[in-house]
Amino acid sequence: MKVAIYGQYYQNSTEPIIRDIFVFFNTNNVAMVVEASFLSLLQEKKNNRERLCYF
């Protein structure tokens, strides 16, 4: 099975939900295709979170 993922990232409170979805798909061997703009938003959020951990 393969799913496409796209969306908009409005609130930090959605981060755990998105993470759970990715973990579920990975655990169940579901292939994912993430829309480029949404992937950029996710990567930006991850990078910002990692930068904050260093302070």
PDB file of N, CA and C in Angstrom:
ATOM      1  N   MET A   1       0.850  -1.167   0.000  1.00  0.00           N
ATOM      2  CA  MET A   1       0.000   0.000   0.000  1.00  0.00           C
ATOM      3  C   MET A   1       0.895   1.229   0.000  1.00  0.00           C
ATOM      4  N   LYS A   2       0.439   2.272  -0.664  1.00  0.00           N
ATOM      5  CA  LYS A   2       1.159   3.532  -0.709  1.00  0.00           C
ATOM      6  C   LYS A   2       0.150   4.651  -0.458  1.00  0.00           C
ATOM      7  N   VAL A   3       0.547   5.612   0.370  1.00  0.00           N
ATOM      8  CA  VAL A   3      -0.331   6.751   0.648  1.00  0.00           C
ATOM      9  C   VAL A   3       0.407   8.041   0.324  1.00  0.00           C
ATOM     10  N   ALA A   4      -0.352   9.056  -0.025  1.00  0.00           N
ATOM     11  CA  ALA A   4       0.192  10.392  -0.256  1.00  0.00           C
ATOM     12  C   ALA A   4      -0.186  11.254   0.935  1.00  0.00           C
ATOM     13  N   ILE A   5       0.762  12.060   1.384  1.00  0.00           N
ATOM     14  CA  ILE A   5       0.546  12.910   2.553  1.00  0.00           C
ATOM     15  C   ILE A   5       0.789  14.361   2.143  1.00  0.00           C
ATOM     16  N   TYR A   6      -0.169  15.200   2.441  1.00  0.00           N
ATOM     17  CA  TYR A   6      -0.022  16.625   2.186  1.00  0.00           C
ATOM     18  C   TYR A   6      -0.820  17.378   3.227  1.00  0.00           C
ATOM     19  N   GLY A   7      -0.543  18.621   3.382  1.00  0.00           N
ATOM     20  CA  GLY A   7      -1.299  19.396   4.347  1.00  0.00           C
ATOM     21  C   GLY A   7      -0.633  20.712   4.661  1.00  0.00           C
ATOM     22  N   GLN A   8      -1.127  21.320   5.708  1.00  0.00           N
ATOM     23  CA  GLN A   8      -0.565  22.570   6.209  1.00  0.00           C
ATOM     24  C   GLN A   8      -0.330  22.396   7.692  1.00  0.00           C
ATOM     25  N   TYR A   9       0.707  23.008   8.170  1.00  0.00           N
ATOM     26  CA  TYR A   9       1.125  22.866   9.559  1.00  0.00           C
ATOM     27  C   TYR A   9       0.736  24.138  10.294  1.00  0.00           C
ATOM     28  N   TYR A  10      -0.346  24.101  11.047  1.00  0.00           N
ATOM     29  CA  TYR A  10      -0.829  25.309  11.702  1.00  0.00           C
ATOM     30  C   TYR A  10      -0.391  25.438  13.154  1.00  0.00           C
ATOM     31  N   GLN A  11      -0.386  24.337  13.870  1.00  0.00           N
ATOM     32  CA  GLN A  11      -0.159  24.414  15.309  1.00  0.00           C
ATOM     33  C   GLN A  11       0.863  23.376  15.744  1.00  0.00           C
ATOM     34  N   ASN A  12       1.631  23.727  16.773  1.00  0.00           N
ATOM     35  CA  ASN A  12       2.581  22.767  17.323  1.00  0.00           C
ATOM     36  C   ASN A  12       1.865  21.554  17.909  1.00  0.00           C
ATOM     37  N   SER A  13       0.607  21.721  18.309  1.00  0.00           N
ATOM     38  CA  SER A  13      -0.131  20.616  18.916  1.00  0.00           C
ATOM     39  C   SER A  13      -0.420  19.491  17.918  1.00  0.00           C
ATOM     40  N   THR A  14      -0.280  19.760  16.621  1.00  0.00           N
ATOM     41  CA  THR A  14      -0.508  18.710  15.625  1.00  0.00           C
ATOM     42  C   THR A  14       0.726  17.831  15.429  1.00  0.00           C
ATOM     43  N   GLU A  15       1.871  18.262  15.940  1.00  0.00           N
ATOM     44  CA  GLU A  15       3.107  17.507  15.743  1.00  0.00           C
ATOM     45  C   GLU A  15       3.015  16.061  16.231  1.00  0.00           C
ATOM     46  N   PRO A  16       2.498  15.799  17.448  1.00  0.00           N
ATOM     47  CA  PRO A  16       2.397  14.399  17.900  1.00  0.00           C
ATOM     48  C   PRO A  16       1.485  13.556  17.013  1.00  0.00           C
ATOM     49  N   ILE A  17       0.458  14.157  16.473  1.00  0.00           N
ATOM     50  CA  ILE A  17      -0.464  13.423  15.604  1.00  0.00           C
ATOM     51  C   ILE A  17       0.241  13.036  14.312  1.00  0.00           C
ATOM     52  N   ILE A  18       0.956  13.976  13.737  1.00  0.00           N
ATOM     53  CA  ILE A  18       1.692  13.695  12.504  1.00  0.00           C
ATOM     54  C   ILE A  18       2.744  12.623  12.758  1.00  0.00           C
ATOM     55  N   ARG A  19       3.445  12.732  13.872  1.00  0.00           N
ATOM     56  CA  ARG A  19       4.464  11.734  14.222  1.00  0.00           C
ATOM     57  C   ARG A  19       3.830  10.355  14.366  1.00  0.00           C
ATOM     58  N   ASP A  20       2.688  10.275  15.040  1.00  0.00           N
ATOM     59  CA  ASP A  20       2.001   8.995  15.220  1.00  0.00           C
ATOM     60  C   ASP A  20       1.603   8.373  13.881  1.00  0.00           C
ATOM     61  N   ILE A  21       1.153   9.201  12.962  1.00  0.00           N
ATOM     62  CA  ILE A  21       0.762   8.703  11.639  1.00  0.00           C
ATOM     63  C   ILE A  21       1.977   8.112  10.925  1.00  0.00           C
ATOM     64  N   PHE A  22       3.099   8.843  10.964  1.00  0.00           N
ATOM     65  CA  PHE A  22       4.310   8.348  10.312  1.00  0.00           C
ATOM     66  C   PHE A  22       4.796   7.054  10.960  1.00  0.00           C
ATOM     67  N   VAL A  23       4.766   6.987  12.277  1.00  0.00           N
ATOM     68  CA  VAL A  23       5.195   5.773  12.979  1.00  0.00           C
ATOM     69  C   VAL A  23       4.287   4.602  12.612  1.00  0.00           C
ATOM     70  N   PHE A  24       2.981   4.832  12.586  1.00  0.00           N
ATOM     71  CA  PHE A  24       2.030   3.782  12.233  1.00  0.00           C
ATOM     72  C   PHE A  24       2.299   3.254  10.827  1.00  0.00           C
ATOM     73  N   PHE A  25       2.460   4.167   9.875  1.00  0.00           N
ATOM     74  CA  PHE A  25       2.721   3.742   8.496  1.00  0.00           C
ATOM     75  C   PHE A  25       4.037   2.969   8.396  1.00  0.00           C
ATOM     76  N   ASN A  26       5.081   3.457   9.063  1.00  0.00           N
ATOM     77  CA  ASN A  26       6.364   2.757   9.027  1.00  0.00           C
ATOM     78  C   ASN A  26       6.261   1.376   9.653  1.00  0.00           C
ATOM     79  N   THR A  27       5.571   1.279  10.773  1.00  0.00           N
ATOM     80  CA  THR A  27       5.404  -0.003  11.464  1.00  0.00           C
ATOM     81  C   THR A  27       4.662  -1.006  10.600  1.00  0.00           C
ATOM     82  N   ASN A  28       3.736  -0.517   9.798  1.00  0.00           N
ATOM     83  CA  ASN A  28       2.905  -1.392   8.978  1.00  0.00           C
ATOM     84  C   ASN A  28       3.361  -1.462   7.522  1.00  0.00           C
ATOM     85  N   ASN A  29       4.607  -1.042   7.288  1.00  0.00           N
ATOM     86  CA  ASN A  29       5.204  -1.123   5.944  1.00  0.00           C
ATOM     87  C   ASN A  29       4.359  -0.444   4.870  1.00  0.00           C
ATOM     88  N   VAL A  30       3.819   0.702   5.206  1.00  0.00           N
ATOM     89  CA  VAL A  30       3.051   1.486   4.243  1.00  0.00           C
ATOM     90  C   VAL A  30       3.999   2.513   3.627  1.00  0.00           C
ATOM     91  N   ALA A  31       4.113   2.502   2.318  1.00  0.00           N
ATOM     92  CA  ALA A  31       4.966   3.464   1.625  1.00  0.00           C
ATOM     93  C   ALA A  31       4.289   4.833   1.646  1.00  0.00           C
ATOM     94  N   MET A  32       5.093   5.863   1.843  1.00  0.00           N
ATOM     95  CA  MET A  32       4.551   7.220   1.923  1.00  0.00           C
ATOM     96  C   MET A  32       5.203   8.115   0.882  1.00  0.00           C
ATOM     97  N   VAL A  33       4.394   8.966   0.296  1.00  0.00           N
ATOM     98  CA  VAL A  33       4.876  10.022  -0.577  1.00  0.00           C
ATOM     99  C   VAL A  33       4.379  11.326   0.050  1.00  0.00           C
ATOM    100  N   VAL A  34       5.319  12.180   0.429  1.00  0.00           N
ATOM    101  CA  VAL A  34       4.959  13.432   1.099  1.00  0.00           C
ATOM    102  C   VAL A  34       5.116  14.576   0.107  1.00  0.00           C
ATOM    103  N   GLU A  35       4.062  15.359  -0.043  1.00  0.00           N
ATOM    104  CA  GLU A  35       4.073  16.508  -0.945  1.00  0.00           C
ATOM    105  C   GLU A  35       5.219  17.443  -0.556  1.00  0.00           C
ATOM    106  N   ALA A  36       5.926  17.980  -1.530  1.00  0.00           N
ATOM    107  CA  ALA A  36       7.171  18.722  -1.324  1.00  0.00           C
ATOM    108  C   ALA A  36       7.024  19.906  -0.363  1.00  0.00           C
ATOM    109  N   SER A  37       5.975  20.687  -0.501  1.00  0.00           N
ATOM    110  CA  SER A  37       5.793  21.853   0.375  1.00  0.00           C
ATOM    111  C   SER A  37       5.545  21.432   1.817  1.00  0.00           C
ATOM    112  N   PHE A  38       4.761  20.383   1.992  1.00  0.00           N
ATOM    113  CA  PHE A  38       4.484  19.893   3.341  1.00  0.00           C
ATOM    114  C   PHE A  38       5.743  19.294   3.952  1.00  0.00           C
ATOM    115  N   LEU A  39       6.512  18.569   3.158  1.00  0.00           N
ATOM    116  CA  LEU A  39       7.767  18.000   3.634  1.00  0.00           C
ATOM    117  C   LEU A  39       8.722  19.113   4.077  1.00  0.00           C
ATOM    118  N   SER A  40       8.778  20.188   3.318  1.00  0.00           N
ATOM    119  CA  SER A  40       9.627  21.328   3.701  1.00  0.00           C
ATOM    120  C   SER A  40       9.194  21.908   5.036  1.00  0.00           C
ATOM    121  N   LEU A  41       7.884  22.026   5.256  1.00  0.00           N
ATOM    122  CA  LEU A  41       7.377  22.524   6.537  1.00  0.00           C
ATOM    123  C   LEU A  41       7.772  21.600   7.682  1.00  0.00           C
ATOM    124  N   LEU A  42       7.651  20.297   7.467  1.00  0.00           N
ATOM    125  CA  LEU A  42       8.022  19.333   8.501  1.00  0.00           C
ATOM    126  C   LEU A  42       9.510  19.405   8.812  1.00  0.00           C
ATOM    127  N   GLN A  43      10.323  19.512   7.768  1.00  0.00           N
ATOM    128  CA  GLN A  43      11.770  19.599   7.978  1.00  0.00           C
ATOM    129  C   GLN A  43      12.148  20.888   8.701  1.00  0.00           C
ATOM    130  N   GLU A  44      11.487  21.981   8.348  1.00  0.00           N
ATOM    131  CA  GLU A  44      11.747  23.263   9.012  1.00  0.00           C
ATOM    132  C   GLU A  44      11.397  23.181  10.495  1.00  0.00           C
ATOM    133  N   LYS A  45      10.257  22.586  10.804  1.00  0.00           N
ATOM    134  CA  LYS A  45       9.856  22.412  12.210  1.00  0.00           C
ATOM    135  C   LYS A  45      10.878  21.561  12.955  1.00  0.00           C
ATOM    136  N   LYS A  46      11.324  20.481  12.322  1.00  0.00           N
ATOM    137  CA  LYS A  46      12.307  19.598  12.951  1.00  0.00           C
ATOM    138  C   LYS A  46      13.613  20.344  13.203  1.00  0.00           C
ATOM    139  N   ASN A  47      14.073  21.093  12.218  1.00  0.00           N
ATOM    140  CA  ASN A  47      15.323  21.842  12.363  1.00  0.00           C
ATOM    141  C   ASN A  47      15.212  22.900  13.460  1.00  0.00           C
ATOM    142  N   ASN A  48      14.083  23.579  13.532  1.00  0.00           N
ATOM    143  CA  ASN A  48      13.880  24.590  14.575  1.00  0.00           C
ATOM    144  C   ASN A  48      13.883  23.936  15.953  1.00  0.00           C
ATOM    145  N   ARG A  49      13.248  22.783  16.068  1.00  0.00           N
ATOM    146  CA  ARG A  49      13.192  22.073  17.348  1.00  0.00           C
ATOM    147  C   ARG A  49      14.605  21.625  17.767  1.00  0.00           C
ATOM    148  N   GLU A  50      15.381  21.131  16.811  1.00  0.00           N
ATOM    149  CA  GLU A  50      16.739  20.684  17.111  1.00  0.00           C
ATOM    150  C   GLU A  50      17.613  21.860  17.536  1.00  0.00           C
ATOM    151  N   ARG A  51      17.444  23.014  16.905  1.00  0.00           N
ATOM    152  CA  ARG A  51      18.213  24.186  17.279  1.00  0.00           C
ATOM    153  C   ARG A  51      17.892  24.629  18.693  1.00  0.00           C
ATOM    154  N   LEU A  52      16.631  24.537  19.069  1.00  0.00           N
ATOM    155  CA  LEU A  52      16.217  24.938  20.413  1.00  0.00           C
ATOM    156  C   LEU A  52      16.798  24.007  21.474  1.00  0.00           C
ATOM    157  N   CYS A  53      17.011  22.757  21.129  1.00  0.00           N
ATOM    158  CA  CYS A  53      17.565  21.791  22.079  1.00  0.00           C
ATOM    159  C   CYS A  53      18.998  22.125  22.453  1.00  0.00           C
ATOM    160  N   TYR A  54      19.695  22.867  21.625  1.00  0.00           N
ATOM    161  CA  TYR A  54      21.084  23.204  21.910  1.00  0.00           C
ATOM    162  C   TYR A  54      21.217  24.360  22.881  1.00  0.00           C
ATOM    163  N   PHE A  55      20.143  25.079  23.116  1.00  0.00           N
ATOM    164  CA  PHE A  55      20.222  26.251  24.008  1.00  0.00           C
ATOM    165  C   PHE A  55      19.872  25.909  25.423  1.00  0.00           C
TER     166      PHE A  55
END
